[in-house]
Amino acid sequence: MNPRSEFKAQWRVGQDEVQLSAGQPVRAEQRAVPVDVEPHDHAFHEIGLVVEGSATHVMATGRLPLVPGDIFVVPPDEVHAIENVRGLEVINTYYLSEWLMGDLGLLWTEAGAVPLFLSRALMKTRIADTVQLRLAPGDFERVRSELAQIEAEGKTKTPSPLYLRCCLEKAIALIARNWMEQDPTSATLVIRGEVWTAMEAVERAVNSGSPYSVAGSAEASGLSVDHFSALFRSSTGYGPTDYYQRRRVHRACQLLLNPAPSVTEVAAELGYSDAPHFCRVFKRYRGMTPSAYRDLYNV
């Protein structure tokens, strides 16, 4: 197997192909894979569930056989390929990370869910590369059913984001549970108590539109600001202020996917002093303005 540095994407699965939107922030489709698939990466997380046939899954970390019951989760920008295809059928699922990340809520309570499905978008620290595992037989049928329901709901005239989210989160819980059972060491996200308390404080601040105090978290942990900030960065890859701003932008994305509030109203809800300030921060982290983000996802 070529080392990671030599395993390059030949093409990219992006918004033009996947066409996620505010009304349909997750898409699933069962499709036949008639020929080998060259190395490629994605703009979004991909979940692939094998339902028929066989193949070889090629990743930067190695090669594994693919048979019915296998599932793979590929983070954004991670390269993979499929070779030796024989009658292969896969349910491919893509989703908007920010749709789930605006309010992490119960996802934190399901061990393995955030590391596997959101860590690449949430943290700079590399937690999970491409993961492949074989689902327990009963869980395979349940995950297959949830993804099939996502596909069916997506074909209705007005898909329900609530219904789609419920199906996706049930699938996420089942996959994460299998991952934790089969690979508990790799699946464990270790966060020190001081950092976890600070992350909870960030969530409260973001959801209430309040400022976050690094000094307050440092004092609560009994550490100096510098020591606390270094500890936080070692766990997440970001300094606490940077992490707070990123979480505000994640929340902003979730709010912007709703067509009702104006950009000014979103800025006010998140505690920004004015809309221009919010737009500058949003563009710094997302590479586009809030209005351009809405246009991208048909809000």
C-alpha atoms as a PDB file:
ATOM      1  CA  MET A   1       0.000   0.000   0.000  1.00  0.00           C
ATOM      2  CA  ASN A   2       1.324   3.415  -0.883  1.00  0.00           C
ATOM      3  CA  PRO A   3       2.055   5.691   2.062  1.00  0.00           C
ATOM      4  CA  ARG A   4      -0.458   8.416   2.806  1.00  0.00           C
ATOM      5  CA  SER A   5       1.625  11.093   1.081  1.00  0.00           C
ATOM      6  CA  GLU A   6       1.509   9.193  -2.234  1.00  0.00           C
ATOM      7  CA  PHE A   7      -2.188   8.264  -2.144  1.00  0.00           C
ATOM      8  CA  LYS A   8      -3.681  11.176  -4.086  1.00  0.00           C
ATOM      9  CA  ALA A   9      -7.260  11.909  -5.103  1.00  0.00           C
ATOM     10  CA  GLN A  10      -7.921  11.774  -8.841  1.00  0.00           C
ATOM     11  CA  TRP A  11     -11.269  13.540  -8.459  1.00  0.00           C
ATOM     12  CA  ARG A  12     -13.571  14.984  -5.785  1.00  0.00           C
ATOM     13  CA  VAL A  13     -17.190  14.398  -4.802  1.00  0.00           C
ATOM     14  CA  GLY A  14     -18.563  17.880  -4.115  1.00  0.00           C
ATOM     15  CA  GLN A  15     -21.758  19.862  -3.934  1.00  0.00           C
ATOM     16  CA  ASP A  16     -22.390  19.603  -7.683  1.00  0.00           C
ATOM     17  CA  GLU A  17     -22.741  15.822  -7.373  1.00  0.00           C
ATOM     18  CA  VAL A  18     -24.302  15.521  -3.927  1.00  0.00           C
ATOM     19  CA  GLN A  19     -26.582  18.590  -3.997  1.00  0.00           C
ATOM     20  CA  LEU A  20     -27.223  18.940  -0.301  1.00  0.00           C
ATOM     21  CA  SER A  21     -29.572  21.748   0.665  1.00  0.00           C
ATOM     22  CA  ALA A  22     -31.331  23.382   3.587  1.00  0.00           C
ATOM     23  CA  GLY A  23     -34.392  21.256   2.859  1.00  0.00           C
ATOM     24  CA  GLN A  24     -32.361  18.090   2.364  1.00  0.00           C
ATOM     25  CA  PRO A  25     -29.137  18.300   4.422  1.00  0.00           C
ATOM     26  CA  VAL A  26     -28.607  14.534   4.165  1.00  0.00           C
ATOM     27  CA  ARG A  27     -28.947  12.331   1.089  1.00  0.00           C
ATOM     28  CA  ALA A  28     -28.834   8.561   0.721  1.00  0.00           C
ATOM     29  CA  GLU A  29     -28.949   6.469  -2.419  1.00  0.00           C
ATOM     30  CA  GLN A  30     -28.548   2.759  -3.062  1.00  0.00           C
ATOM     31  CA  ARG A  31     -26.543   2.309  -6.236  1.00  0.00           C
ATOM     32  CA  ALA A  32     -24.704  -0.347  -8.169  1.00  0.00           C
ATOM     33  CA  VAL A  33     -20.946   0.095  -8.511  1.00  0.00           C
ATOM     34  CA  PRO A  34     -20.224  -1.638 -11.837  1.00  0.00           C
ATOM     35  CA  VAL A  35     -16.517  -0.813 -12.132  1.00  0.00           C
ATOM     36  CA  ASP A  36     -13.542   0.041  -9.940  1.00  0.00           C
ATOM     37  CA  VAL A  37     -13.565   3.548  -8.431  1.00  0.00           C
ATOM     38  CA  GLU A  38     -10.332   5.538  -8.667  1.00  0.00           C
ATOM     39  CA  PRO A  39      -8.875   7.341  -5.615  1.00  0.00           C
ATOM     40  CA  HIS A  40     -11.078  10.291  -4.710  1.00  0.00           C
ATOM     41  CA  ASP A  41     -12.051  12.475  -1.784  1.00  0.00           C
ATOM     42  CA  HIS A  42     -15.191  14.321  -0.697  1.00  0.00           C
ATOM     43  CA  ALA A  43     -16.367  17.722   0.446  1.00  0.00           C
ATOM     44  CA  PHE A  44     -18.670  15.970   2.940  1.00  0.00           C
ATOM     45  CA  HIS A  45     -18.621  12.946   5.219  1.00  0.00           C
ATOM     46  CA  GLU A  46     -19.528   9.768   3.349  1.00  0.00           C
ATOM     47  CA  ILE A  47     -21.181   6.710   4.892  1.00  0.00           C
ATOM     48  CA  GLY A  48     -21.093   3.645   2.650  1.00  0.00           C
ATOM     49  CA  LEU A  49     -23.057   0.512   3.529  1.00  0.00           C
ATOM     50  CA  VAL A  50     -22.408  -2.587   1.411  1.00  0.00           C
ATOM     51  CA  VAL A  51     -25.620  -4.476   0.666  1.00  0.00           C
ATOM     52  CA  GLU A  52     -24.576  -6.769  -2.218  1.00  0.00           C
ATOM     53  CA  GLY A  53     -21.437  -8.112  -3.885  1.00  0.00           C
ATOM     54  CA  SER A  54     -17.806  -7.678  -2.948  1.00  0.00           C
ATOM     55  CA  ALA A  55     -14.763  -5.468  -3.562  1.00  0.00           C
ATOM     56  CA  THR A  56     -11.516  -4.265  -2.009  1.00  0.00           C
ATOM     57  CA  HIS A  57     -11.573  -0.976  -0.119  1.00  0.00           C
ATOM     58  CA  VAL A  58      -8.331   0.967  -0.554  1.00  0.00           C
ATOM     59  CA  MET A  59      -7.431   3.594   2.046  1.00  0.00           C
ATOM     60  CA  ALA A  60      -4.300   5.505   2.972  1.00  0.00           C
ATOM     61  CA  THR A  61      -3.976   3.152   5.956  1.00  0.00           C
ATOM     62  CA  GLY A  62      -4.358  -0.115   4.045  1.00  0.00           C
ATOM     63  CA  ARG A  63      -6.663  -2.426   2.083  1.00  0.00           C
ATOM     64  CA  LEU A  64      -9.687  -4.330   3.385  1.00  0.00           C
ATOM     65  CA  PRO A  65     -12.231  -6.619   1.701  1.00  0.00           C
ATOM     66  CA  LEU A  66     -15.777  -5.302   1.343  1.00  0.00           C
ATOM     67  CA  VAL A  67     -18.734  -7.688   1.697  1.00  0.00           C
ATOM     68  CA  PRO A  68     -22.401  -7.226   2.645  1.00  0.00           C
ATOM     69  CA  GLY A  69     -22.706  -5.933   6.197  1.00  0.00           C
ATOM     70  CA  ASP A  70     -19.551  -3.822   5.979  1.00  0.00           C
ATOM     71  CA  ILE A  71     -19.790  -0.091   6.474  1.00  0.00           C
ATOM     72  CA  PHE A  72     -17.206   2.624   5.952  1.00  0.00           C
ATOM     73  CA  VAL A  73     -17.171   6.226   7.157  1.00  0.00           C
ATOM     74  CA  VAL A  74     -14.916   8.576   5.194  1.00  0.00           C
ATOM     75  CA  PRO A  75     -14.214  12.065   6.617  1.00  0.00           C
ATOM     76  CA  PRO A  76     -14.025  15.110   4.338  1.00  0.00           C
ATOM     77  CA  ASP A  77     -10.768  15.361   2.351  1.00  0.00           C
ATOM     78  CA  GLU A  78      -9.800  11.741   3.117  1.00  0.00           C
ATOM     79  CA  VAL A  79      -8.848   9.712   0.011  1.00  0.00           C
ATOM     80  CA  HIS A  80     -10.141   6.209  -0.715  1.00  0.00           C
ATOM     81  CA  ALA A  81     -10.773   3.934  -3.682  1.00  0.00           C
ATOM     82  CA  ILE A  82     -12.639   0.711  -4.507  1.00  0.00           C
ATOM     83  CA  GLU A  83     -11.059  -2.094  -6.531  1.00  0.00           C
ATOM     84  CA  ASN A  84     -11.847  -5.695  -7.606  1.00  0.00           C
ATOM     85  CA  VAL A  85     -15.553  -4.866  -7.868  1.00  0.00           C
ATOM     86  CA  ARG A  86     -17.896  -7.847  -8.235  1.00  0.00           C
ATOM     87  CA  GLY A  87     -21.646  -7.189  -8.230  1.00  0.00           C
ATOM     88  CA  LEU A  88     -21.215  -4.422  -5.682  1.00  0.00           C
ATOM     89  CA  GLU A  89     -24.177  -2.395  -4.395  1.00  0.00           C
ATOM     90  CA  VAL A  90     -23.725   0.293  -1.758  1.00  0.00           C
ATOM     91  CA  ILE A  91     -25.992   2.752   0.027  1.00  0.00           C
ATOM     92  CA  ASN A  92     -24.042   6.015  -0.124  1.00  0.00           C
ATOM     93  CA  THR A  93     -24.992   8.703   2.377  1.00  0.00           C
ATOM     94  CA  TYR A  94     -23.697  12.277   2.615  1.00  0.00           C
ATOM     95  CA  TYR A  95     -24.619  14.918   5.191  1.00  0.00           C
ATOM     96  CA  LEU A  96     -23.882  18.505   6.157  1.00  0.00           C
ATOM     97  CA  SER A  97     -21.735  18.391   9.294  1.00  0.00           C
ATOM     98  CA  GLU A  98     -22.846  21.868  10.392  1.00  0.00           C
ATOM     99  CA  TRP A  99     -26.466  20.734  10.308  1.00  0.00           C
ATOM    100  CA  LEU A 100     -25.627  18.337  13.140  1.00  0.00           C
ATOM    101  CA  MET A 101     -22.971  20.502  14.818  1.00  0.00           C
ATOM    102  CA  GLY A 102     -25.036  23.596  15.534  1.00  0.00           C
ATOM    103  CA  ASP A 103     -26.298  21.857  18.646  1.00  0.00           C
ATOM    104  CA  LEU A 104     -24.331  18.704  19.473  1.00  0.00           C
ATOM    105  CA  GLY A 105     -26.811  17.807  22.199  1.00  0.00           C
ATOM    106  CA  LEU A 106     -27.326  14.079  22.571  1.00  0.00           C
ATOM    107  CA  LEU A 107     -24.549  13.228  20.113  1.00  0.00           C
ATOM    108  CA  TRP A 108     -22.013  13.769  22.916  1.00  0.00           C
ATOM    109  CA  THR A 109     -23.816  11.185  25.049  1.00  0.00           C
ATOM    110  CA  GLU A 110     -23.351   8.388  22.478  1.00  0.00           C
ATOM    111  CA  ALA A 111     -19.757   7.261  22.884  1.00  0.00           C
ATOM    112  CA  GLY A 112     -17.996   7.263  19.536  1.00  0.00           C
ATOM    113  CA  ALA A 113     -20.579   9.369  17.672  1.00  0.00           C
ATOM    114  CA  VAL A 114     -18.706  12.691  17.713  1.00  0.00           C
ATOM    115  CA  PRO A 115     -15.235  11.173  17.112  1.00  0.00           C
ATOM    116  CA  LEU A 116     -16.476   9.146  14.142  1.00  0.00           C
ATOM    117  CA  PHE A 117     -18.939  11.493  12.478  1.00  0.00           C
ATOM    118  CA  LEU A 118     -17.998  15.046  13.456  1.00  0.00           C
ATOM    119  CA  SER A 119     -14.481  15.237  14.904  1.00  0.00           C
ATOM    120  CA  ARG A 120     -12.824  16.252  11.627  1.00  0.00           C
ATOM    121  CA  ALA A 121     -15.121  19.288  11.405  1.00  0.00           C
ATOM    122  CA  LEU A 122     -15.091  20.019  15.142  1.00  0.00           C
ATOM    123  CA  MET A 123     -11.444  19.609  16.076  1.00  0.00           C
ATOM    124  CA  LYS A 124      -8.080  20.105  14.427  1.00  0.00           C
ATOM    125  CA  THR A 125      -6.666  17.135  16.339  1.00  0.00           C
ATOM    126  CA  ARG A 126      -6.841  14.051  14.083  1.00  0.00           C
ATOM    127  CA  ILE A 127      -9.117  11.559  15.847  1.00  0.00           C
ATOM    128  CA  ALA A 128     -10.531   9.248  13.189  1.00  0.00           C
ATOM    129  CA  ASP A 129      -9.341   8.516   9.669  1.00  0.00           C
ATOM    130  CA  THR A 130     -11.449   6.419   7.333  1.00  0.00           C
ATOM    131  CA  VAL A 131     -13.100   3.728   9.459  1.00  0.00           C
ATOM    132  CA  GLN A 132     -14.409   0.397   8.167  1.00  0.00           C
ATOM    133  CA  LEU A 133     -16.173  -2.212  10.260  1.00  0.00           C
ATOM    134  CA  ARG A 134     -18.626  -5.071   9.974  1.00  0.00           C
ATOM    135  CA  LEU A 135     -21.970  -4.423  11.598  1.00  0.00           C
ATOM    136  CA  ALA A 136     -23.606  -7.033  13.790  1.00  0.00           C
ATOM    137  CA  PRO A 137     -26.323  -8.777  11.693  1.00  0.00           C
ATOM    138  CA  GLY A 138     -29.233  -7.175  13.526  1.00  0.00           C
ATOM    139  CA  ASP A 139     -27.628  -3.750  13.413  1.00  0.00           C
ATOM    140  CA  PHE A 140     -26.909  -4.122   9.704  1.00  0.00           C
ATOM    141  CA  GLU A 141     -30.615  -4.483   9.001  1.00  0.00           C
ATOM    142  CA  ARG A 142     -31.478  -1.562  11.274  1.00  0.00           C
ATOM    143  CA  VAL A 143     -28.889   0.752   9.732  1.00  0.00           C
ATOM    144  CA  ARG A 144     -29.952  -0.334   6.257  1.00  0.00           C
ATOM    145  CA  SER A 145     -33.556   0.488   7.142  1.00  0.00           C
ATOM    146  CA  GLU A 146     -32.682   3.979   8.440  1.00  0.00           C
ATOM    147  CA  LEU A 147     -30.614   4.825   5.360  1.00  0.00           C
ATOM    148  CA  ALA A 148     -33.355   3.465   3.080  1.00  0.00           C
ATOM    149  CA  GLN A 149     -35.848   5.708   4.867  1.00  0.00           C
ATOM    150  CA  ILE A 150     -33.576   8.705   4.266  1.00  0.00           C
ATOM    151  CA  GLU A 151     -33.504   7.833   0.570  1.00  0.00           C
ATOM    152  CA  ALA A 152     -37.292   7.415   0.422  1.00  0.00           C
ATOM    153  CA  GLU A 153     -37.980  10.640   2.345  1.00  0.00           C
ATOM    154  CA  GLY A 154     -35.636  12.505   0.020  1.00  0.00           C
ATOM    155  CA  LYS A 155     -37.802  11.543  -2.935  1.00  0.00           C
ATOM    156  CA  THR A 156     -40.935  13.104  -1.454  1.00  0.00           C
ATOM    157  CA  LYS A 157     -42.108  16.528  -2.610  1.00  0.00           C
ATOM    158  CA  THR A 158     -41.130  18.260   0.631  1.00  0.00           C
ATOM    159  CA  PRO A 159     -38.686  16.123   2.674  1.00  0.00           C
ATOM    160  CA  SER A 160     -38.902  16.669   6.424  1.00  0.00           C
ATOM    161  CA  PRO A 161     -35.557  17.769   7.934  1.00  0.00           C
ATOM    162  CA  LEU A 162     -36.797  16.476  11.304  1.00  0.00           C
ATOM    163  CA  TYR A 163     -37.551  13.030   9.886  1.00  0.00           C
ATOM    164  CA  LEU A 164     -34.217  12.980   8.043  1.00  0.00           C
ATOM    165  CA  ARG A 165     -32.309  13.991  11.171  1.00  0.00           C
ATOM    166  CA  CYS A 166     -33.994  11.325  13.298  1.00  0.00           C
ATOM    167  CA  CYS A 167     -33.128   8.603  10.768  1.00  0.00           C
ATOM    168  CA  LEU A 168     -29.529   9.783  10.435  1.00  0.00           C
ATOM    169  CA  GLU A 169     -28.961  10.075  14.175  1.00  0.00           C
ATOM    170  CA  LYS A 170     -30.348   6.572  14.774  1.00  0.00           C
ATOM    171  CA  ALA A 171     -27.969   5.224  12.136  1.00  0.00           C
ATOM    172  CA  ILE A 172     -25.097   7.183  13.695  1.00  0.00           C
ATOM    173  CA  ALA A 173     -25.863   5.733  17.149  1.00  0.00           C
ATOM    174  CA  LEU A 174     -25.902   2.170  15.828  1.00  0.00           C
ATOM    175  CA  ILE A 175     -22.690   2.552  13.828  1.00  0.00           C
ATOM    176  CA  ALA A 176     -20.900   4.297  16.709  1.00  0.00           C
ATOM    177  CA  ARG A 177     -21.963   1.544  19.116  1.00  0.00           C
ATOM    178  CA  ASN A 178     -20.530  -1.137  16.833  1.00  0.00           C
ATOM    179  CA  TRP A 179     -17.317   0.851  16.440  1.00  0.00           C
ATOM    180  CA  MET A 180     -16.906   1.213  20.200  1.00  0.00           C
ATOM    181  CA  GLU A 181     -17.460  -2.505  20.726  1.00  0.00           C
ATOM    182  CA  GLN A 182     -14.982  -3.540  18.028  1.00  0.00           C
ATOM    183  CA  ASP A 183     -12.279  -0.892  18.450  1.00  0.00           C
ATOM    184  CA  PRO A 184     -12.638   0.764  21.868  1.00  0.00           C
ATOM    185  CA  THR A 185      -9.101   2.156  21.941  1.00  0.00           C
ATOM    186  CA  SER A 186      -9.246   4.009  18.622  1.00  0.00           C
ATOM    187  CA  ALA A 187     -12.861   5.006  19.198  1.00  0.00           C
ATOM    188  CA  THR A 188     -12.259   6.694  22.537  1.00  0.00           C
ATOM    189  CA  LEU A 189     -12.047  10.479  22.599  1.00  0.00           C
ATOM    190  CA  VAL A 190     -10.017  11.364  25.703  1.00  0.00           C
ATOM    191  CA  ILE A 191     -10.682  14.890  26.975  1.00  0.00           C
ATOM    192  CA  ARG A 192      -9.373  16.028  30.339  1.00  0.00           C
ATOM    193  CA  GLY A 193     -11.928  17.245  32.845  1.00  0.00           C
ATOM    194  CA  GLU A 194     -10.747  20.854  32.719  1.00  0.00           C
ATOM    195  CA  VAL A 195     -11.098  20.939  28.945  1.00  0.00           C
ATOM    196  CA  TRP A 196     -14.458  19.191  28.978  1.00  0.00           C
ATOM    197  CA  THR A 197     -15.798  21.730  31.510  1.00  0.00           C
ATOM    198  CA  ALA A 198     -14.568  24.550  29.281  1.00  0.00           C
ATOM    199  CA  MET A 199     -16.163  22.977  26.200  1.00  0.00           C
ATOM    200  CA  GLU A 200     -19.465  22.794  28.063  1.00  0.00           C
ATOM    201  CA  ALA A 201     -19.075  26.482  28.960  1.00  0.00           C
ATOM    202  CA  VAL A 202     -18.482  27.259  25.283  1.00  0.00           C
ATOM    203  CA  GLU A 203     -21.677  25.401  24.341  1.00  0.00           C
ATOM    204  CA  ARG A 204     -23.705  27.360  26.897  1.00  0.00           C
ATOM    205  CA  ALA A 205     -22.257  30.632  25.648  1.00  0.00           C
ATOM    206  CA  VAL A 206     -22.904  29.807  21.992  1.00  0.00           C
ATOM    207  CA  ASN A 207     -26.465  28.641  22.578  1.00  0.00           C
ATOM    208  CA  SER A 208     -27.325  31.679  24.686  1.00  0.00           C
ATOM    209  CA  GLY A 209     -25.543  34.253  22.545  1.00  0.00           C
ATOM    210  CA  SER A 210     -23.272  35.156  25.464  1.00  0.00           C
ATOM    211  CA  PRO A 211     -19.529  35.879  25.508  1.00  0.00           C
ATOM    212  CA  TYR A 212     -17.135  33.168  26.625  1.00  0.00           C
ATOM    213  CA  SER A 213     -14.358  33.919  29.112  1.00  0.00           C
ATOM    214  CA  VAL A 214     -11.071  32.058  28.761  1.00  0.00           C
ATOM    215  CA  ALA A 215      -9.937  33.601  32.041  1.00  0.00           C
ATOM    216  CA  GLY A 216     -13.078  32.279  33.724  1.00  0.00           C
ATOM    217  CA  SER A 217     -12.422  28.727  32.522  1.00  0.00           C
ATOM    218  CA  ALA A 218      -8.776  28.975  33.569  1.00  0.00           C
ATOM    219  CA  GLU A 219      -9.746  30.171  37.029  1.00  0.00           C
ATOM    220  CA  ALA A 220     -12.357  27.426  37.398  1.00  0.00           C
ATOM    221  CA  SER A 221      -9.708  24.822  36.528  1.00  0.00           C
ATOM    222  CA  GLY A 222      -7.153  26.310  38.926  1.00  0.00           C
ATOM    223  CA  LEU A 223      -4.692  26.982  36.122  1.00  0.00           C
ATOM    224  CA  SER A 224      -3.064  30.044  34.635  1.00  0.00           C
ATOM    225  CA  VAL A 225      -4.551  31.292  31.375  1.00  0.00           C
ATOM    226  CA  ASP A 226      -1.458  30.182  29.454  1.00  0.00           C
ATOM    227  CA  HIS A 227      -1.408  26.710  31.020  1.00  0.00           C
ATOM    228  CA  PHE A 228      -5.138  26.244  30.493  1.00  0.00           C
ATOM    229  CA  SER A 229      -4.948  27.436  26.881  1.00  0.00           C
ATOM    230  CA  ALA A 230      -2.094  25.023  26.130  1.00  0.00           C
ATOM    231  CA  LEU A 231      -4.064  22.167  27.700  1.00  0.00           C
ATOM    232  CA  PHE A 232      -7.154  23.051  25.653  1.00  0.00           C
ATOM    233  CA  ARG A 233      -5.136  23.219  22.442  1.00  0.00           C
ATOM    234  CA  SER A 234      -3.534  19.828  23.107  1.00  0.00           C
ATOM    235  CA  SER A 235      -6.999  18.240  23.273  1.00  0.00           C
ATOM    236  CA  THR A 236      -8.797  20.004  20.420  1.00  0.00           C
ATOM    237  CA  GLY A 237      -6.033  21.434  18.229  1.00  0.00           C
ATOM    238  CA  TYR A 238      -7.470  24.928  18.733  1.00  0.00           C
ATOM    239  CA  GLY A 239      -7.005  27.585  21.390  1.00  0.00           C
ATOM    240  CA  PRO A 240     -10.131  28.164  23.505  1.00  0.00           C
ATOM    241  CA  THR A 241     -11.023  31.497  21.883  1.00  0.00           C
ATOM    242  CA  ASP A 242     -10.596  30.052  18.400  1.00  0.00           C
ATOM    243  CA  TYR A 243     -12.706  27.038  19.363  1.00  0.00           C
ATOM    244  CA  TYR A 244     -15.439  29.339  20.716  1.00  0.00           C
ATOM    245  CA  GLN A 245     -15.507  31.348  17.488  1.00  0.00           C
ATOM    246  CA  ARG A 246     -15.692  28.148  15.421  1.00  0.00           C
ATOM    247  CA  ARG A 247     -18.602  26.867  17.472  1.00  0.00           C
ATOM    248  CA  ARG A 248     -20.388  30.198  16.973  1.00  0.00           C
ATOM    249  CA  VAL A 249     -19.947  29.802  13.230  1.00  0.00           C
ATOM    250  CA  HIS A 250     -21.207  26.188  13.394  1.00  0.00           C
ATOM    251  CA  ARG A 251     -24.296  27.457  15.185  1.00  0.00           C
ATOM    252  CA  ALA A 252     -24.619  30.261  12.637  1.00  0.00           C
ATOM    253  CA  CYS A 253     -24.613  27.720   9.812  1.00  0.00           C
ATOM    254  CA  GLN A 254     -27.430  25.821  11.461  1.00  0.00           C
ATOM    255  CA  LEU A 255     -29.460  29.022  11.866  1.00  0.00           C
ATOM    256  CA  LEU A 256     -28.745  30.136   8.302  1.00  0.00           C
ATOM    257  CA  LEU A 257     -30.166  26.888   6.938  1.00  0.00           C
ATOM    258  CA  ASN A 258     -33.523  28.152   8.236  1.00  0.00           C
ATOM    259  CA  PRO A 259     -34.883  30.723   5.750  1.00  0.00           C
ATOM    260  CA  ALA A 260     -36.873  32.620   8.367  1.00  0.00           C
ATOM    261  CA  PRO A 261     -34.255  34.725  10.225  1.00  0.00           C
ATOM    262  CA  SER A 262     -32.338  37.449   8.419  1.00  0.00           C
ATOM    263  CA  VAL A 263     -28.554  37.608   8.573  1.00  0.00           C
ATOM    264  CA  THR A 264     -28.919  40.513  10.999  1.00  0.00           C
ATOM    265  CA  GLU A 265     -31.204  38.432  13.234  1.00  0.00           C
ATOM    266  CA  VAL A 266     -28.769  35.507  13.182  1.00  0.00           C
ATOM    267  CA  ALA A 267     -25.948  37.877  14.178  1.00  0.00           C
ATOM    268  CA  ALA A 268     -28.019  39.248  17.076  1.00  0.00           C
ATOM    269  CA  GLU A 269     -28.990  35.777  18.309  1.00  0.00           C
ATOM    270  CA  LEU A 270     -25.328  34.782  18.436  1.00  0.00           C
ATOM    271  CA  GLY A 271     -24.348  37.916  20.341  1.00  0.00           C
ATOM    272  CA  TYR A 272     -22.401  39.737  17.625  1.00  0.00           C
ATOM    273  CA  SER A 273     -22.305  43.514  17.967  1.00  0.00           C
ATOM    274  CA  ASP A 274     -23.579  44.023  14.425  1.00  0.00           C
ATOM    275  CA  ALA A 275     -24.156  42.173  11.165  1.00  0.00           C
ATOM    276  CA  PRO A 276     -20.955  43.393   9.427  1.00  0.00           C
ATOM    277  CA  HIS A 277     -18.839  42.031  12.304  1.00  0.00           C
ATOM    278  CA  PHE A 278     -20.663  38.709  12.093  1.00  0.00           C
ATOM    279  CA  CYS A 279     -20.150  38.567   8.316  1.00  0.00           C
ATOM    280  CA  ARG A 280     -16.406  39.196   8.683  1.00  0.00           C
ATOM    281  CA  VAL A 281     -16.010  36.429  11.272  1.00  0.00           C
ATOM    282  CA  PHE A 282     -18.167  34.033   9.253  1.00  0.00           C
ATOM    283  CA  LYS A 283     -16.144  34.640   6.089  1.00  0.00           C
ATOM    284  CA  ARG A 284     -12.868  34.166   7.985  1.00  0.00           C
ATOM    285  CA  TYR A 285     -13.904  30.664   9.076  1.00  0.00           C
ATOM    286  CA  ARG A 286     -16.089  29.538   6.152  1.00  0.00           C
ATOM    287  CA  GLY A 287     -14.417  31.308   3.239  1.00  0.00           C
ATOM    288  CA  MET A 288     -17.717  32.875   2.148  1.00  0.00           C
ATOM    289  CA  THR A 289     -20.322  35.322   3.421  1.00  0.00           C
ATOM    290  CA  PRO A 290     -23.472  34.174   5.233  1.00  0.00           C
ATOM    291  CA  SER A 291     -25.517  35.104   2.160  1.00  0.00           C
ATOM    292  CA  ALA A 292     -23.235  33.062  -0.103  1.00  0.00           C
ATOM    293  CA  TYR A 293     -23.564  30.131   2.292  1.00  0.00           C
ATOM    294  CA  ARG A 294     -27.339  30.378   2.018  1.00  0.00           C
ATOM    295  CA  ASP A 295     -27.144  30.532  -1.760  1.00  0.00           C
ATOM    296  CA  LEU A 296     -24.921  27.432  -1.827  1.00  0.00           C
ATOM    297  CA  TYR A 297     -27.561  25.397   0.013  1.00  0.00           C
ATOM    298  CA  ASN A 298     -30.631  26.947  -1.621  1.00  0.00           C
ATOM    299  CA  VAL A 299     -31.956  28.744   1.446  1.00  0.00           C
END
